[in-house]
Amino acid sequence: MKSYSKNDARTHCANWDAGDCLGCMMPRVDGELVMIVDSKLQGKTCVVDNGCEYFERIVVPSIENQGR
């Protein structure tokens, strides 16, 4: 798997806000997709360099599918 950086987050991630994370997560709850704001990430510096569940589950597949 390719390693992603904050530059990739800046270009592709909807949670990117001038280097900080908006904290919006999209888990499935009882089979439905819901949006929640994760207070542990909201307003904090982007963590994509150390692994981010949202980036890996939502953003990476869209990056890999570009150009198909």
PDB file of N, CA and C in Angstrom:
ATOM      1  N   MET A   1       0.840  -1.186   0.000  1.00  0.00           N
ATOM      2  CA  MET A   1       0.000   0.000   0.000  1.00  0.00           C
ATOM      3  C   MET A   1       0.882   1.245   0.000  1.00  0.00           C
ATOM      4  N   LYS A   2       0.488   2.226  -0.781  1.00  0.00           N
ATOM      5  CA  LYS A   2       1.230   3.483  -0.859  1.00  0.00           C
ATOM      6  C   LYS A   2       1.132   4.240   0.465  1.00  0.00           C
ATOM      7  N   SER A   3       2.184   4.924   0.795  1.00  0.00           N
ATOM      8  CA  SER A   3       2.189   5.771   1.981  1.00  0.00           C
ATOM      9  C   SER A   3       1.648   7.150   1.578  1.00  0.00           C
ATOM     10  N   TYR A   4       0.740   7.696   2.357  1.00  0.00           N
ATOM     11  CA  TYR A   4       0.131   8.987   2.040  1.00  0.00           C
ATOM     12  C   TYR A   4       0.618  10.052   3.013  1.00  0.00           C
ATOM     13  N   SER A   5       0.646  11.281   2.536  1.00  0.00           N
ATOM     14  CA  SER A   5       1.178  12.396   3.324  1.00  0.00           C
ATOM     15  C   SER A   5       0.109  13.472   3.522  1.00  0.00           C
ATOM     16  N   LYS A   6       0.491  14.486   4.271  1.00  0.00           N
ATOM     17  CA  LYS A   6      -0.420  15.613   4.474  1.00  0.00           C
ATOM     18  C   LYS A   6      -0.698  16.346   3.170  1.00  0.00           C
ATOM     19  N   ASN A   7       0.232  16.300   2.235  1.00  0.00           N
ATOM     20  CA  ASN A   7      -0.010  16.904   0.928  1.00  0.00           C
ATOM     21  C   ASN A   7      -1.166  16.183   0.225  1.00  0.00           C
ATOM     22  N   ASP A   8      -1.219  14.841   0.350  1.00  0.00           N
ATOM     23  CA  ASP A   8      -2.336  14.081  -0.223  1.00  0.00           C
ATOM     24  C   ASP A   8      -3.639  14.449   0.474  1.00  0.00           C
ATOM     25  N   ALA A   9      -3.592  14.605   1.786  1.00  0.00           N
ATOM     26  CA  ALA A   9      -4.792  14.994   2.534  1.00  0.00           C
ATOM     27  C   ALA A   9      -5.267  16.377   2.087  1.00  0.00           C
ATOM     28  N   ARG A  10      -4.335  17.298   1.918  1.00  0.00           N
ATOM     29  CA  ARG A  10      -4.690  18.651   1.474  1.00  0.00           C
ATOM     30  C   ARG A  10      -5.400  18.614   0.125  1.00  0.00           C
ATOM     31  N   THR A  11      -4.957  17.731  -0.747  1.00  0.00           N
ATOM     32  CA  THR A  11      -5.514  17.645  -2.094  1.00  0.00           C
ATOM     33  C   THR A  11      -6.839  16.894  -2.145  1.00  0.00           C
ATOM     34  N   HIS A  12      -7.002  15.846  -1.309  1.00  0.00           N
ATOM     35  CA  HIS A  12      -8.117  14.923  -1.487  1.00  0.00           C
ATOM     36  C   HIS A  12      -9.108  14.818  -0.324  1.00  0.00           C
ATOM     37  N   CYS A  13      -8.727  15.214   0.872  1.00  0.00           N
ATOM     38  CA  CYS A  13      -9.570  14.931   2.045  1.00  0.00           C
ATOM     39  C   CYS A  13     -10.556  16.065   2.349  1.00  0.00           C
ATOM     40  N   ALA A  14     -11.818  15.707   2.475  1.00  0.00           N
ATOM     41  CA  ALA A  14     -12.863  16.686   2.797  1.00  0.00           C
ATOM     42  C   ALA A  14     -12.744  17.201   4.235  1.00  0.00           C
ATOM     43  N   ASN A  15     -12.012  16.482   5.082  1.00  0.00           N
ATOM     44  CA  ASN A  15     -11.814  16.910   6.466  1.00  0.00           C
ATOM     45  C   ASN A  15     -10.664  17.905   6.623  1.00  0.00           C
ATOM     46  N   TRP A  16      -9.889  18.138   5.567  1.00  0.00           N
ATOM     47  CA  TRP A  16      -8.738  19.042   5.640  1.00  0.00           C
ATOM     48  C   TRP A  16      -9.215  20.480   5.811  1.00  0.00           C
ATOM     49  N   ASP A  17      -8.674  21.157   6.829  1.00  0.00           N
ATOM     50  CA  ASP A  17      -9.014  22.558   7.066  1.00  0.00           C
ATOM     51  C   ASP A  17      -7.737  23.290   7.480  1.00  0.00           C
ATOM     52  N   ALA A  18      -6.958  23.711   6.484  1.00  0.00           N
ATOM     53  CA  ALA A  18      -5.701  24.439   6.718  1.00  0.00           C
ATOM     54  C   ALA A  18      -4.766  23.675   7.657  1.00  0.00           C
ATOM     55  N   GLY A  19      -4.696  22.357   7.477  1.00  0.00           N
ATOM     56  CA  GLY A  19      -3.797  21.526   8.276  1.00  0.00           C
ATOM     57  C   GLY A  19      -4.452  20.871   9.471  1.00  0.00           C
ATOM     58  N   ASP A  20      -5.644  21.324   9.805  1.00  0.00           N
ATOM     59  CA  ASP A  20      -6.388  20.722  10.908  1.00  0.00           C
ATOM     60  C   ASP A  20      -7.489  19.815  10.359  1.00  0.00           C
ATOM     61  N   CYS A  21      -7.996  18.960  11.215  1.00  0.00           N
ATOM     62  CA  CYS A  21      -9.049  18.016  10.831  1.00  0.00           C
ATOM     63  C   CYS A  21     -10.413  18.533  11.291  1.00  0.00           C
ATOM     64  N   LEU A  22     -11.399  18.411  10.420  1.00  0.00           N
ATOM     65  CA  LEU A  22     -12.767  18.760  10.815  1.00  0.00           C
ATOM     66  C   LEU A  22     -13.361  17.688  11.719  1.00  0.00           C
ATOM     67  N   GLY A  23     -12.826  16.468  11.633  1.00  0.00           N
ATOM     68  CA  GLY A  23     -13.253  15.380  12.523  1.00  0.00           C
ATOM     69  C   GLY A  23     -14.501  14.633  12.090  1.00  0.00           C
ATOM     70  N   CYS A  24     -14.987  14.858  10.885  1.00  0.00           N
ATOM     71  CA  CYS A  24     -16.193  14.170  10.411  1.00  0.00           C
ATOM     72  C   CYS A  24     -15.852  12.730  10.031  1.00  0.00           C
ATOM     73  N   MET A  25     -16.527  11.793  10.649  1.00  0.00           N
ATOM     74  CA  MET A  25     -16.332  10.374  10.372  1.00  0.00           C
ATOM     75  C   MET A  25     -17.637   9.801   9.837  1.00  0.00           C
ATOM     76  N   MET A  26     -17.543   8.727   9.064  1.00  0.00           N
ATOM     77  CA  MET A  26     -18.729   8.138   8.441  1.00  0.00           C
ATOM     78  C   MET A  26     -18.788   6.628   8.721  1.00  0.00           C
ATOM     79  N   PRO A  27     -19.114   6.252   9.961  1.00  0.00           N
ATOM     80  CA  PRO A  27     -19.210   4.821  10.270  1.00  0.00           C
ATOM     81  C   PRO A  27     -20.593   4.267   9.910  1.00  0.00           C
ATOM     82  N   ARG A  28     -20.678   2.956   9.882  1.00  0.00           N
ATOM     83  CA  ARG A  28     -21.980   2.294   9.743  1.00  0.00           C
ATOM     84  C   ARG A  28     -22.476   1.934  11.133  1.00  0.00           C
ATOM     85  N   VAL A  29     -23.715   2.282  11.399  1.00  0.00           N
ATOM     86  CA  VAL A  29     -24.358   1.957  12.678  1.00  0.00           C
ATOM     87  C   VAL A  29     -25.656   1.241  12.355  1.00  0.00           C
ATOM     88  N   ASP A  30     -25.775   0.015  12.808  1.00  0.00           N
ATOM     89  CA  ASP A  30     -26.957  -0.816  12.520  1.00  0.00           C
ATOM     90  C   ASP A  30     -27.257  -0.864  11.018  1.00  0.00           C
ATOM     91  N   GLY A  31     -26.191  -0.982  10.212  1.00  0.00           N
ATOM     92  CA  GLY A  31     -26.350  -1.124   8.771  1.00  0.00           C
ATOM     93  C   GLY A  31     -26.580   0.179   8.015  1.00  0.00           C
ATOM     94  N   GLU A  32     -26.608   1.299   8.731  1.00  0.00           N
ATOM     95  CA  GLU A  32     -26.810   2.594   8.074  1.00  0.00           C
ATOM     96  C   GLU A  32     -25.551   3.436   8.178  1.00  0.00           C
ATOM     97  N   LEU A  33     -25.257   4.169   7.119  1.00  0.00           N
ATOM     98  CA  LEU A  33     -24.122   5.079   7.113  1.00  0.00           C
ATOM     99  C   LEU A  33     -24.526   6.359   7.838  1.00  0.00           C
ATOM    100  N   VAL A  34     -23.763   6.726   8.853  1.00  0.00           N
ATOM    101  CA  VAL A  34     -24.061   7.938   9.618  1.00  0.00           C
ATOM    102  C   VAL A  34     -22.823   8.822   9.651  1.00  0.00           C
ATOM    103  N   MET A  35     -23.017  10.098   9.915  1.00  0.00           N
ATOM    104  CA  MET A  35     -21.897  11.002  10.067  1.00  0.00           C
ATOM    105  C   MET A  35     -21.829  11.455  11.510  1.00  0.00           C
ATOM    106  N   ILE A  36     -20.637  11.373  12.082  1.00  0.00           N
ATOM    107  CA  ILE A  36     -20.419  11.861  13.439  1.00  0.00           C
ATOM    108  C   ILE A  36     -19.190  12.763  13.432  1.00  0.00           C
ATOM    109  N   VAL A  37     -19.072  13.602  14.422  1.00  0.00           N
ATOM    110  CA  VAL A  37     -17.873  14.422  14.584  1.00  0.00           C
ATOM    111  C   VAL A  37     -17.087  13.831  15.741  1.00  0.00           C
ATOM    112  N   ASP A  38     -15.861  13.416  15.443  1.00  0.00           N
ATOM    113  CA  ASP A  38     -14.984  12.811  16.441  1.00  0.00           C
ATOM    114  C   ASP A  38     -14.227  13.924  17.166  1.00  0.00           C
ATOM    115  N   SER A  39     -14.566  14.146  18.422  1.00  0.00           N
ATOM    116  CA  SER A  39     -13.962  15.244  19.180  1.00  0.00           C
ATOM    117  C   SER A  39     -12.469  15.028  19.416  1.00  0.00           C
ATOM    118  N   LYS A  40     -12.000  13.787  19.299  1.00  0.00           N
ATOM    119  CA  LYS A  40     -10.567  13.521  19.467  1.00  0.00           C
ATOM    120  C   LYS A  40      -9.764  13.998  18.256  1.00  0.00           C
ATOM    121  N   LEU A  41     -10.421  14.158  17.115  1.00  0.00           N
ATOM    122  CA  LEU A  41      -9.754  14.614  15.896  1.00  0.00           C
ATOM    123  C   LEU A  41     -10.118  16.049  15.521  1.00  0.00           C
ATOM    124  N   GLN A  42     -11.325  16.467  15.868  1.00  0.00           N
ATOM    125  CA  GLN A  42     -11.828  17.783  15.466  1.00  0.00           C
ATOM    126  C   GLN A  42     -10.922  18.909  15.964  1.00  0.00           C
ATOM    127  N   GLY A  43     -10.474  19.751  15.013  1.00  0.00           N
ATOM    128  CA  GLY A  43      -9.657  20.906  15.362  1.00  0.00           C
ATOM    129  C   GLY A  43      -8.205  20.584  15.659  1.00  0.00           C
ATOM    130  N   LYS A  44      -7.837  19.313  15.560  1.00  0.00           N
ATOM    131  CA  LYS A  44      -6.457  18.906  15.818  1.00  0.00           C
ATOM    132  C   LYS A  44      -5.696  18.826  14.496  1.00  0.00           C
ATOM    133  N   THR A  45      -4.378  18.813  14.583  1.00  0.00           N
ATOM    134  CA  THR A  45      -3.522  18.683  13.405  1.00  0.00           C
ATOM    135  C   THR A  45      -3.811  17.369  12.700  1.00  0.00           C
ATOM    136  N   CYS A  46      -3.840  17.401  11.387  1.00  0.00           N
ATOM    137  CA  CYS A  46      -4.085  16.219  10.558  1.00  0.00           C
ATOM    138  C   CYS A  46      -3.131  15.087  10.950  1.00  0.00           C
ATOM    139  N   VAL A  47      -3.668  13.865  11.089  1.00  0.00           N
ATOM    140  CA  VAL A  47      -2.879  12.709  11.519  1.00  0.00           C
ATOM    141  C   VAL A  47      -2.638  11.701  10.400  1.00  0.00           C
ATOM    142  N   VAL A  48      -2.859  12.098   9.145  1.00  0.00           N
ATOM    143  CA  VAL A  48      -2.743  11.146   8.036  1.00  0.00           C
ATOM    144  C   VAL A  48      -1.370  10.468   8.012  1.00  0.00           C
ATOM    145  N   ASP A  49      -0.314  11.161   8.427  1.00  0.00           N
ATOM    146  CA  ASP A  49       1.031  10.577   8.438  1.00  0.00           C
ATOM    147  C   ASP A  49       1.136   9.381   9.376  1.00  0.00           C
ATOM    148  N   ASN A  50       0.302   9.356  10.406  1.00  0.00           N
ATOM    149  CA  ASN A  50       0.329   8.273  11.398  1.00  0.00           C
ATOM    150  C   ASN A  50      -0.818   7.286  11.226  1.00  0.00           C
ATOM    151  N   GLY A  51      -1.624   7.482  10.195  1.00  0.00           N
ATOM    152  CA  GLY A  51      -2.773   6.620   9.947  1.00  0.00           C
ATOM    153  C   GLY A  51      -4.066   7.267  10.396  1.00  0.00           C
ATOM    154  N   CYS A  52      -5.003   7.330   9.481  1.00  0.00           N
ATOM    155  CA  CYS A  52      -6.307   7.938   9.755  1.00  0.00           C
ATOM    156  C   CYS A  52      -7.375   7.027   9.168  1.00  0.00           C
ATOM    157  N   GLU A  53      -8.282   6.562   9.994  1.00  0.00           N
ATOM    158  CA  GLU A  53      -9.312   5.626   9.543  1.00  0.00           C
ATOM    159  C   GLU A  53     -10.159   6.220   8.416  1.00  0.00           C
ATOM    160  N   TYR A  54     -10.576   7.467   8.565  1.00  0.00           N
ATOM    161  CA  TYR A  54     -11.395   8.105   7.526  1.00  0.00           C
ATOM    162  C   TYR A  54     -10.625   8.152   6.206  1.00  0.00           C
ATOM    163  N   PHE A  55      -9.395   8.617   6.260  1.00  0.00           N
ATOM    164  CA  PHE A  55      -8.595   8.744   5.041  1.00  0.00           C
ATOM    165  C   PHE A  55      -8.418   7.382   4.376  1.00  0.00           C
ATOM    166  N   GLU A  56      -8.103   6.371   5.159  1.00  0.00           N
ATOM    167  CA  GLU A  56      -7.852   5.037   4.606  1.00  0.00           C
ATOM    168  C   GLU A  56      -9.122   4.389   4.046  1.00  0.00           C
ATOM    169  N   ARG A  57     -10.275   4.572   4.717  1.00  0.00           N
ATOM    170  CA  ARG A  57     -11.509   3.919   4.271  1.00  0.00           C
ATOM    171  C   ARG A  57     -12.255   4.687   3.187  1.00  0.00           C
ATOM    172  N   ILE A  58     -12.202   6.015   3.231  1.00  0.00           N
ATOM    173  CA  ILE A  58     -13.013   6.840   2.331  1.00  0.00           C
ATOM    174  C   ILE A  58     -12.170   7.484   1.221  1.00  0.00           C
ATOM    175  N   VAL A  59     -11.065   8.107   1.587  1.00  0.00           N
ATOM    176  CA  VAL A  59     -10.295   8.898   0.635  1.00  0.00           C
ATOM    177  C   VAL A  59      -9.422   8.031  -0.271  1.00  0.00           C
ATOM    178  N   VAL A  60      -8.681   7.095   0.313  1.00  0.00           N
ATOM    179  CA  VAL A  60      -7.748   6.280  -0.477  1.00  0.00           C
ATOM    180  C   VAL A  60      -8.458   5.561  -1.634  1.00  0.00           C
ATOM    181  N   PRO A  61      -9.603   4.901  -1.421  1.00  0.00           N
ATOM    182  CA  PRO A  61     -10.252   4.254  -2.570  1.00  0.00           C
ATOM    183  C   PRO A  61     -10.590   5.232  -3.688  1.00  0.00           C
ATOM    184  N   SER A  62     -10.953   6.463  -3.361  1.00  0.00           N
ATOM    185  CA  SER A  62     -11.279   7.423  -4.418  1.00  0.00           C
ATOM    186  C   SER A  62     -10.020   7.862  -5.159  1.00  0.00           C
ATOM    187  N   ILE A  63      -8.895   7.974  -4.450  1.00  0.00           N
ATOM    188  CA  ILE A  63      -7.633   8.321  -5.106  1.00  0.00           C
ATOM    189  C   ILE A  63      -7.230   7.206  -6.065  1.00  0.00           C
ATOM    190  N   GLU A  64      -7.328   5.966  -5.591  1.00  0.00           N
ATOM    191  CA  GLU A  64      -6.912   4.823  -6.401  1.00  0.00           C
ATOM    192  C   GLU A  64      -7.809   4.613  -7.618  1.00  0.00           C
ATOM    193  N   ASN A  65      -9.064   5.076  -7.549  1.00  0.00           N
ATOM    194  CA  ASN A  65      -9.989   4.908  -8.668  1.00  0.00           C
ATOM    195  C   ASN A  65      -9.957   6.067  -9.662  1.00  0.00           C
ATOM    196  N   GLN A  66      -9.208   7.113  -9.385  1.00  0.00           N
ATOM    197  CA  GLN A  66      -9.134   8.243 -10.314  1.00  0.00           C
ATOM    198  C   GLN A  66      -8.445   7.789 -11.596  1.00  0.00           C
ATOM    199  N   GLY A  67      -8.951   8.246 -12.691  1.00  0.00           N
ATOM    200  CA  GLY A  67      -8.346   7.939 -13.970  1.00  0.00           C
ATOM    201  C   GLY A  67      -8.808   6.631 -14.580  1.00  0.00           C
ATOM    202  N   ARG A  68      -9.755   5.959 -13.941  1.00  0.00           N
ATOM    203  CA  ARG A  68     -10.279   4.702 -14.508  1.00  0.00           C
ATOM    204  C   ARG A  68     -11.363   4.979 -15.502  1.00  0.00           C
TER     205      ARG A  68
END
